Protein backbone atom coordinates (compact mmCIF):
# COMPACT_ATOMS: atom_id res chain seq x y z
CA MET A 1 -5.40 -1.96 -34.18
CA ALA A 2 -8.83 -0.82 -33.03
CA ARG A 3 -10.76 -3.20 -30.79
CA GLU A 4 -13.80 -3.43 -33.09
CA VAL A 5 -11.77 -4.85 -36.00
CA LEU A 6 -10.37 -7.71 -33.92
CA THR A 7 -13.59 -9.74 -33.87
CA GLY A 8 -12.24 -12.13 -36.49
CA SER A 9 -9.04 -12.73 -34.53
CA ARG A 10 -11.09 -13.51 -31.44
CA ILE A 11 -13.30 -15.93 -33.37
CA ARG A 12 -10.25 -17.77 -34.67
CA GLU A 13 -8.66 -17.93 -31.23
CA ARG A 14 -11.87 -19.23 -29.60
CA ARG A 15 -12.30 -21.82 -32.36
CA VAL A 16 -8.76 -23.10 -31.90
CA MET A 17 -9.19 -23.21 -28.12
CA ALA A 18 -12.36 -25.26 -28.61
CA GLY A 19 -10.52 -27.70 -30.93
CA MET A 20 -12.95 -27.01 -33.76
CA LYS A 21 -12.07 -27.13 -37.44
CA GLN A 22 -12.79 -24.08 -39.56
CA ALA A 23 -15.08 -26.11 -41.83
CA GLU A 24 -17.10 -27.37 -38.85
CA LEU A 25 -17.63 -23.86 -37.46
CA ALA A 26 -18.62 -22.64 -40.94
CA ARG A 27 -21.14 -25.49 -41.28
CA GLN A 28 -22.71 -24.77 -37.88
CA SER A 29 -22.90 -21.07 -38.74
CA ALA A 30 -24.43 -21.74 -42.19
CA ILE A 31 -21.66 -19.97 -44.14
CA SER A 32 -18.88 -21.18 -46.41
CA ALA A 33 -15.42 -22.02 -45.04
CA SER A 34 -13.85 -19.46 -47.39
CA TYR A 35 -16.07 -16.67 -46.04
CA LEU A 36 -15.27 -17.70 -42.46
CA ASN A 37 -11.59 -17.59 -43.37
CA LEU A 38 -11.99 -13.97 -44.51
CA ILE A 39 -13.81 -13.13 -41.27
CA GLU A 40 -11.10 -14.74 -39.11
CA HIS A 41 -8.44 -12.67 -40.88
CA ASN A 42 -10.41 -9.48 -40.16
CA ARG A 43 -11.13 -8.93 -43.87
CA ARG A 44 -14.90 -9.01 -43.47
CA LYS A 45 -17.01 -7.25 -40.87
CA ILE A 46 -19.45 -9.31 -38.88
CA GLY A 47 -22.55 -8.61 -36.84
CA GLY A 48 -26.22 -9.38 -36.41
CA LYS A 49 -27.49 -12.93 -36.79
CA LEU A 50 -24.17 -14.27 -38.09
CA LEU A 51 -22.34 -13.08 -35.00
CA LEU A 52 -24.99 -14.67 -32.79
CA ALA A 53 -24.73 -17.94 -34.75
CA ILE A 54 -20.93 -18.09 -34.46
CA ALA A 55 -21.03 -17.22 -30.75
CA ARG A 56 -23.63 -19.95 -30.17
CA ALA A 57 -21.50 -22.48 -32.05
CA LEU A 58 -18.44 -21.55 -29.99
CA GLY A 59 -20.38 -21.54 -26.72
CA VAL A 60 -19.48 -17.96 -25.77
CA GLU A 61 -21.31 -14.70 -25.29
CA PRO A 62 -21.34 -12.42 -28.36
CA GLN A 63 -19.76 -9.64 -26.29
CA THR A 64 -16.71 -11.84 -25.78
CA LEU A 65 -16.08 -11.72 -29.52
CA THR A 66 -16.89 -8.06 -30.10
CA GLU A 67 -15.52 -6.44 -26.94
CA GLY A 68 -12.54 -8.68 -26.31
CA ALA A 69 -10.80 -8.86 -22.97
CA GLU A 70 -11.93 -6.97 -19.91
CA ALA A 71 -10.53 -3.52 -19.27
CA ALA A 72 -8.71 -4.75 -16.16
CA LEU A 73 -6.89 -7.37 -18.24
CA ILE A 74 -5.85 -4.76 -20.79
CA SER A 75 -4.66 -2.48 -17.98
CA SER A 76 -2.62 -5.30 -16.40
CA LEU A 77 -0.97 -6.09 -19.73
CA ARG A 78 -0.03 -2.46 -20.28
CA GLU A 79 1.40 -2.21 -16.77
CA ALA A 80 3.38 -5.40 -17.40
CA ALA A 81 4.72 -3.84 -20.60
CA VAL A 82 5.82 -0.74 -18.72
CA ASP A 83 7.50 -2.86 -16.03
CA ALA A 84 9.37 -4.77 -18.74
CA GLY A 85 10.57 -1.55 -20.37
CA LEU A 86 8.35 -1.81 -23.44
CA SER A 87 7.03 1.43 -24.80
CA GLY A 88 5.51 2.98 -27.87
CA PRO A 89 3.80 0.67 -30.38
CA GLU A 90 4.55 -2.53 -28.43
CA ALA A 91 2.80 -1.28 -25.27
CA GLU A 92 -0.15 -0.02 -27.30
CA ARG A 93 -0.75 -3.48 -28.78
CA ALA A 94 -1.89 -4.95 -25.44
CA ASP A 95 -5.50 -4.87 -26.64
CA GLU A 96 -4.63 -6.74 -29.82
CA PHE A 97 -2.64 -9.33 -27.90
CA ALA A 98 -5.52 -9.91 -25.46
CA GLY A 99 -7.97 -10.21 -28.32
CA ARG A 100 -5.94 -12.69 -30.32
CA PHE A 101 -4.53 -14.73 -27.43
CA PRO A 102 -6.89 -14.40 -24.44
CA GLY A 103 -5.48 -17.48 -22.74
CA TRP A 104 -1.89 -16.25 -22.85
CA ALA A 105 -3.05 -12.77 -21.85
CA GLU A 106 -4.65 -14.20 -18.69
CA VAL A 107 -1.46 -16.15 -17.93
CA LEU A 108 0.68 -13.03 -18.28
CA ALA A 109 -1.70 -10.86 -16.25
CA GLY A 110 -1.92 -13.55 -13.56
CA ALA A 111 1.88 -13.79 -13.40
CA ARG A 112 2.12 -10.05 -12.95
CA ARG A 113 -0.46 -10.15 -10.15
CA ARG A 114 1.52 -12.89 -8.41
CA ILE A 115 4.73 -10.89 -8.76
CA ALA A 116 3.00 -7.85 -7.25
CA ALA A 117 1.72 -9.99 -4.36
CA LEU A 118 5.19 -11.44 -3.78
CA GLU A 119 6.75 -7.98 -3.81
CA HIS A 120 4.19 -6.89 -1.23
CA THR A 121 5.03 -9.92 0.92
CA VAL A 122 8.77 -9.27 0.59
CA GLU A 123 8.19 -5.65 1.58
CA ALA A 124 6.20 -6.63 4.65
CA LEU A 125 8.69 -9.29 5.75
CA THR A 126 11.69 -7.03 5.16
CA ASP A 127 10.01 -4.25 7.09
CA ARG A 128 9.26 -6.66 9.92
CA LEU A 129 12.78 -8.07 10.08
CA ALA A 130 14.34 -4.62 9.98
CA HIS A 131 12.05 -2.70 12.31
CA ASP A 132 9.84 -5.02 14.37
CA PRO A 133 10.67 -3.99 17.96
CA HIS A 134 9.55 -7.32 19.46
CA LEU A 135 11.68 -9.30 17.02
CA ALA A 136 14.71 -7.06 17.65
CA ALA A 137 14.33 -7.39 21.42
CA SER A 138 13.93 -11.18 21.17
CA MET A 139 17.04 -11.55 19.02
CA HIS A 140 19.02 -9.35 21.42
CA GLU A 141 17.86 -11.50 24.34
CA LEU A 142 18.88 -14.72 22.55
CA LEU A 143 22.31 -13.43 21.58
CA SER A 144 23.11 -11.94 24.98
CA THR A 145 22.01 -15.11 26.81
CA ALA A 146 24.00 -17.35 24.47
CA ALA A 147 27.06 -15.14 25.02
CA ALA A 148 26.65 -15.40 28.80
CA ILE A 149 26.44 -19.19 28.64
CA ARG A 150 29.47 -19.34 26.35
CA SER A 151 31.50 -17.13 28.71
CA THR A 152 30.59 -19.17 31.80
CA ALA A 153 31.32 -22.46 30.06
CA ALA A 154 34.72 -21.16 28.96
CA ILE A 155 35.64 -20.31 32.56
CA LEU A 156 34.65 -23.80 33.72
CA ALA A 157 36.58 -25.48 30.91
CA GLU A 158 39.75 -23.41 31.15
CA THR A 159 40.11 -23.02 34.94
CA LYS A 160 41.37 -26.34 36.36
CA THR A 161 41.83 -25.17 39.97
CA LEU A 162 38.41 -23.59 40.45
CA GLU A 163 37.13 -23.89 43.99
CA PRO A 164 34.02 -26.06 44.45
CA GLU A 165 31.95 -23.13 45.72
CA TRP A 166 32.66 -21.05 42.61
CA ARG A 167 32.19 -24.06 40.34
CA ASP A 168 28.72 -24.61 41.82
CA ARG A 169 27.87 -20.94 41.26
CA PHE A 170 28.93 -21.14 37.60
CA HIS A 171 26.91 -24.33 37.14
CA ALA A 172 23.87 -22.58 38.64
CA ASN A 173 24.41 -19.62 36.29
CA ILE A 174 24.58 -21.92 33.28
CA ASN A 175 21.40 -23.68 34.37
CA GLU A 176 19.54 -20.37 34.85
CA ASP A 177 20.80 -18.89 31.57
CA SER A 178 19.91 -22.10 29.70
CA ARG A 179 16.34 -21.92 30.98
CA ARG A 180 16.14 -18.27 29.96
CA LEU A 181 17.52 -19.11 26.51
CA SER A 182 14.99 -21.91 26.07
CA ASN A 183 12.07 -19.71 27.12
CA SER A 184 13.20 -16.88 24.83
CA ALA A 185 13.59 -19.26 21.89
CA GLN A 186 10.13 -20.73 22.44
CA SER A 187 8.61 -17.26 22.70
CA LEU A 188 10.32 -16.17 19.47
CA VAL A 189 9.20 -19.29 17.60
CA ALA A 190 5.63 -18.78 18.80
CA TYR A 191 5.75 -15.16 17.65
CA LEU A 192 7.13 -16.02 14.20
CA GLU A 193 4.66 -18.88 13.74
CA ALA A 194 1.64 -16.84 14.81
CA ASP A 195 -1.50 -17.51 12.82
CA PRO A 196 -1.28 -15.15 9.85
CA ASP A 197 -5.07 -14.87 9.89
CA ALA A 198 -5.12 -13.65 13.47
CA THR A 199 -5.87 -9.96 13.69
CA ASP A 200 -3.18 -9.31 16.31
CA ALA A 201 -0.33 -11.30 14.73
CA GLY A 202 2.58 -8.90 14.51
CA ILE A 203 0.29 -5.88 14.37
CA SER A 204 1.82 -2.54 15.31
CA PRO A 205 0.21 0.12 17.53
CA GLN A 206 -0.21 2.36 14.48
CA GLU A 207 -2.13 -0.42 12.72
CA GLU A 208 -4.35 -0.89 15.76
CA VAL A 209 -5.18 2.80 15.68
CA GLU A 210 -5.80 2.74 11.93
CA ALA A 211 -8.14 -0.25 12.32
CA PHE A 212 -10.01 1.54 15.12
CA LEU A 213 -10.44 4.74 13.11
CA SER A 214 -11.34 2.84 9.94
CA ARG A 215 -14.07 0.92 11.76
CA HIS A 216 -15.59 4.29 12.71
CA SER A 217 -15.00 5.66 9.16
CA TYR A 218 -12.84 8.39 10.77
CA HIS A 219 -16.04 10.01 12.04
CA PHE A 220 -17.18 10.33 15.67
CA GLU A 221 -20.53 11.96 16.31
CA ALA A 222 -19.59 12.77 19.90
CA LEU A 223 -16.50 14.72 18.82
CA GLU A 224 -18.38 16.51 16.03
CA ALA A 225 -20.90 17.56 18.68
CA GLY A 226 -18.17 18.94 20.95
CA ARG A 227 -18.23 16.16 23.57
CA GLU A 228 -14.46 15.84 23.95
CA ASP A 229 -14.92 14.45 27.47
CA GLU A 230 -16.10 11.14 25.95
CA ILE A 231 -12.70 10.34 24.44
CA ASP A 232 -11.51 8.23 27.36
CA SER A 233 -14.63 6.06 27.25
CA LEU A 234 -14.29 5.67 23.46
CA VAL A 235 -10.73 4.44 23.86
CA ARG A 236 -11.55 2.07 26.73
CA ALA A 237 -14.43 0.52 24.78
CA ALA A 238 -12.39 0.01 21.59
CA SER A 239 -11.61 -3.68 21.05
CA ASP A 240 -9.14 -2.76 18.28
CA LEU A 241 -6.84 -0.95 20.73
CA ARG A 242 -5.13 -3.88 22.44
CA SER A 243 -1.82 -2.30 23.47
CA ALA A 244 -1.11 0.61 25.79
CA ALA A 245 0.84 2.31 23.00
CA ALA A 246 -2.16 2.11 20.66
CA ARG A 247 -4.48 3.56 23.30
CA HIS A 248 -2.04 6.41 23.91
CA ILE A 249 -1.80 7.20 20.19
CA ALA A 250 -5.57 6.93 19.71
CA THR A 251 -6.22 9.31 22.60
CA ALA A 252 -3.95 11.94 21.07
CA VAL A 253 -5.55 11.47 17.63
CA LEU A 254 -9.08 11.82 19.01
CA HIS A 255 -8.19 15.00 20.89
CA GLN A 256 -6.80 16.41 17.64
CA LEU A 257 -10.02 15.41 15.85
CA ALA A 258 -12.09 17.11 18.56
CA ARG A 259 -10.08 20.36 18.33
CA ASP A 260 -10.34 20.35 14.53
CA ALA A 261 -14.10 19.67 14.68
CA ALA A 262 -14.64 22.54 17.13
CA ARG A 263 -12.76 25.03 14.95
CA LEU A 264 -13.93 23.79 11.54
CA PRO A 265 -17.44 22.28 11.51
CA LEU A 266 -17.99 19.55 8.96
CA ALA A 267 -21.00 21.20 7.36
CA GLN A 268 -18.97 24.33 6.68
CA LEU A 269 -16.20 22.29 5.04
CA VAL A 270 -18.61 20.26 2.88
CA ALA A 271 -20.23 23.43 1.57
CA ALA A 272 -16.85 24.95 0.73
CA VAL A 273 -15.66 21.78 -1.04
CA GLU A 274 -18.81 21.75 -3.17
CA ASP A 275 -18.08 25.34 -4.16
CA LEU A 276 -14.29 25.31 -4.61
CA GLY A 277 -13.47 21.63 -5.09
CA PRO A 278 -10.87 19.65 -3.09
CA ASP A 279 -8.22 22.39 -3.07
CA PRO A 280 -6.73 22.66 0.46
CA ALA A 281 -5.08 26.05 -0.05
CA ALA A 282 -8.20 27.65 -1.55
CA LEU A 283 -10.39 26.13 1.16
CA ALA A 284 -8.07 27.37 3.90
CA GLN A 285 -8.09 30.86 2.44
CA ARG A 286 -11.88 30.89 2.12
CA MET A 287 -12.48 29.68 5.69
CA HIS A 288 -9.51 31.44 7.35
CA GLN A 289 -8.14 28.16 8.66
CA PRO A 290 -4.65 26.63 8.80
CA VAL A 291 -4.02 24.43 5.77
CA GLY A 292 -3.02 21.47 7.96
CA ARG A 293 -6.35 21.54 9.74
CA VAL A 294 -8.21 21.72 6.44
CA MET A 295 -6.28 18.68 5.19
CA ARG A 296 -7.04 16.69 8.33
CA ARG A 297 -10.74 17.54 8.05
CA MET A 298 -10.81 16.71 4.33
CA ALA A 299 -9.47 13.26 5.18
CA THR A 300 -12.67 12.57 7.15
CA LEU A 301 -14.89 13.11 4.09
CA PRO A 302 -15.61 9.64 2.63
CA GLU A 303 -16.57 11.02 -0.78
CA LEU A 304 -13.00 12.25 -1.36
CA GLN A 305 -11.50 8.75 -0.88
CA SER A 306 -8.36 10.38 0.46
CA GLY A 307 -5.27 9.29 2.33
CA LEU A 308 -3.45 11.20 5.06
CA VAL A 309 0.04 10.90 6.53
CA VAL A 310 1.35 13.00 9.45
CA CYS A 311 4.90 13.13 10.81
CA ASP A 312 6.52 15.03 13.67
CA ARG A 313 9.68 17.16 13.63
CA SER A 314 11.90 14.07 13.67
CA GLY A 315 10.29 12.75 10.49
CA THR A 316 8.59 9.90 12.35
CA VAL A 317 5.17 8.99 10.96
CA ILE A 318 2.69 9.44 13.81
CA PHE A 319 -0.56 9.04 11.88
CA ARG A 320 -1.68 7.46 8.64
CA LYS A 321 -4.95 6.93 6.81
CA SER A 322 -4.31 4.43 4.04
CA ILE A 323 -5.29 4.93 0.44
CA GLU A 324 -5.17 2.14 -2.13
CA GLY A 325 -2.06 2.31 -4.30
CA PHE A 326 0.16 4.12 -1.77
CA THR A 327 2.09 2.11 0.83
CA VAL A 328 3.27 3.55 4.14
CA PRO A 329 5.84 1.23 5.82
CA ARG A 330 4.62 -0.29 9.07
CA PHE A 331 7.52 0.89 11.24
CA GLY A 332 8.76 4.05 9.56
CA ALA A 333 11.81 4.28 7.26
CA CYS A 334 9.67 5.94 4.58
CA CYS A 335 10.90 7.27 1.26
CA PRO A 336 12.54 10.68 1.91
CA LEU A 337 11.28 11.95 -1.46
CA TRP A 338 7.72 12.26 -0.16
CA PRO A 339 6.45 15.88 -0.06
CA LEU A 340 5.62 15.16 3.58
CA PHE A 341 9.30 15.35 4.53
CA GLY A 342 10.22 18.12 2.12
CA ALA A 343 7.66 20.34 3.84
CA LEU A 344 9.57 20.06 7.14
CA GLY A 345 12.24 22.41 5.79
CA GLN A 346 9.70 24.89 4.37
CA GLN A 347 7.43 25.67 7.30
CA GLY A 348 4.18 27.29 6.21
CA GLN A 349 4.67 26.67 2.48
CA VAL A 350 2.00 24.54 0.83
CA THR A 351 3.33 21.99 -1.67
CA ALA A 352 1.24 20.47 -4.44
CA VAL A 353 2.74 17.56 -6.40
CA ARG A 354 1.39 14.92 -8.77
CA LEU A 355 3.11 11.69 -7.74
CA ALA A 356 3.09 7.93 -8.23
CA GLN A 357 4.62 5.28 -6.00
CA LEU A 358 6.94 2.82 -7.72
CA GLY A 359 5.69 -0.77 -7.76
CA GLY A 360 2.14 -2.10 -7.92
CA ALA A 361 -0.18 -0.32 -10.30
CA GLU A 362 1.68 3.00 -9.89
CA ALA A 363 -1.57 4.87 -9.39
CA GLU A 364 -1.25 8.64 -9.58
CA PHE A 365 -2.18 10.97 -6.74
CA ASP A 366 -2.46 14.68 -6.14
CA ALA A 367 -0.36 15.20 -3.00
CA PHE A 368 -0.59 18.32 -0.84
CA ALA A 369 1.82 18.88 2.05
CA VAL A 370 2.43 21.58 4.63
CA CYS A 371 4.38 21.91 7.88
CA GLU A 372 2.84 23.97 10.68
CA PRO A 373 3.77 24.68 14.34
CA GLN A 374 2.04 22.74 17.09
CA SER A 375 3.29 24.72 20.09
CA ALA A 376 3.29 28.35 21.14
CA PRO A 377 6.50 30.29 20.44
CA ALA A 378 9.01 30.59 23.29
CA TYR A 379 12.44 32.15 23.64
CA ASN A 380 15.41 29.97 22.62
CA THR A 381 13.12 27.01 21.99
CA ALA A 382 12.53 25.47 18.60
CA PRO A 383 8.79 25.05 18.00
CA LEU A 384 7.22 21.63 17.80
CA VAL A 385 5.91 21.16 14.28
CA GLN A 386 3.92 18.61 12.32
CA SER A 387 4.00 17.94 8.61
CA VAL A 388 0.73 16.85 6.99
CA MET A 389 0.34 15.22 3.56
CA LEU A 390 -3.06 14.72 1.96
CA LEU A 391 -3.36 12.25 -0.93
CA LEU A 392 -6.23 12.47 -3.40
CA PRO A 393 -6.74 10.26 -6.46
CA ALA A 394 -5.47 12.16 -9.48
CA ALA A 395 -8.19 13.93 -11.41
CA ALA A 396 -9.26 12.07 -14.55
CA GLY A 397 -7.67 13.39 -17.71
CA ALA A 398 -5.15 15.51 -15.82
CA SER A 399 -1.72 15.90 -17.38
CA GLY A 400 1.65 17.19 -16.29
CA PRO A 401 4.86 15.91 -14.68
CA VAL A 402 4.55 13.03 -12.22
CA ALA A 403 7.11 12.61 -9.44
CA GLN A 404 8.18 8.99 -8.90
CA VAL A 405 8.60 8.08 -5.22
CA GLY A 406 9.02 4.81 -3.37
CA SER A 407 7.73 3.36 -0.12
CA THR A 408 11.02 2.43 1.50
CA CYS A 409 14.54 2.01 0.09
CA ARG A 410 14.71 -1.75 0.63
CA VAL A 411 11.95 -2.48 -1.88
CA CYS A 412 12.37 0.48 -4.25
CA SER A 413 13.54 -0.18 -7.81
CA LYS A 414 14.46 3.43 -8.63
CA ASP A 415 17.98 3.49 -10.05
CA ASN A 416 20.55 6.14 -9.12
CA CYS A 417 18.26 7.70 -6.52
CA PRO A 418 20.12 10.50 -4.68
CA ALA A 419 18.04 9.86 -1.55
CA ARG A 420 18.80 6.13 -1.30
CA ARG A 421 19.92 5.09 2.20
CA GLU A 422 20.49 1.40 1.58
CA PRO A 423 20.55 -0.99 -1.39
CA SER A 424 17.30 -2.43 -2.64
CA ILE A 425 16.62 -6.16 -2.50
CA LEU A 426 15.00 -5.72 -5.92
CA SER A 427 18.29 -4.69 -7.54
CA ALA A 428 19.15 -8.32 -8.11
CA GLY A 429 15.99 -8.77 -10.14
CA ILE A 430 13.80 -10.40 -7.48
């Protein structure tokens, strides 16, 4: 049902929500109850002064009755319908449902938003438990210390003729290991109970680098001007780079940015994008540049609102620039269906795929990926390569097949996926 013919349904719903009788609303609007009844059943059109009078009597804006629910609410309802497996006419009636039952529509949309937030939390916690190096090291320390104490205690309990000198040594070992166990436990508890609002609570080196680059909008005037010698001072002055690992990664990233800026000036790229559009292969051909470099430079243009992910030959993600709607796991273990990883086996071939990531709003992206060498050729030595994937919001009105990918197997709901490495925690319906 078209949105403009639902005005009567919205009037009836607002009247019921306000606890007003039909006769009372008709009296305040200076019309008969029978005519109002026809309006509420969408059998009479309404507008002008009568619409203003009814809206005033109900205490709402006229647009609320004529335009219905906000577009975001309609979108959330349709996404909820898709998640629930509804399709066809049922999914298309989201607008009608929101118009007739705005209160219930808000409840349903709010529930879906909470579910999405919980899924995001589960994903982050699962990722942390599975891959957080500090947590893994702490658990290993606890288990190994407890095992040492248990072994020493067993010797003391089972050996009745132990010499006093050896018994004292074992007692000293138990005392030392107990202190170590206590300190490790306290450190682990403090780590797990870190203030979630603190910027450095559980943050990874990659996230430190991403925060540093984001604060500078991925643009450094000194590097664009060819002053690569200022990289060390940039890194030292960066408050975002707290760990040595983050500073090491940031240094490598900035040197890459400086090399790209020297070989492909930003003004030249902007002019080419205005002429050809955001097409990495066409831009690379026009400017006689490697496609990977063009993608990296495109990611620095704020008007493109792009995302970028880079991995090395092992498939380890070494750089990421986030884009809303596409999640890159904090500590690796990404979905192997990403074009980023497929490009590793097709060096030099440029891949272009329309894709959507399962979960959340399932926003669509135009993904471009290529794998290119990073070292000079040498005899009997495999070249070091990098795979680069550029993500751009899908062009409006574009059509065609959309590849469904996940973020990581543990929180992916895709059934019968041939690339699945481990079962999903969502398979039980969480």
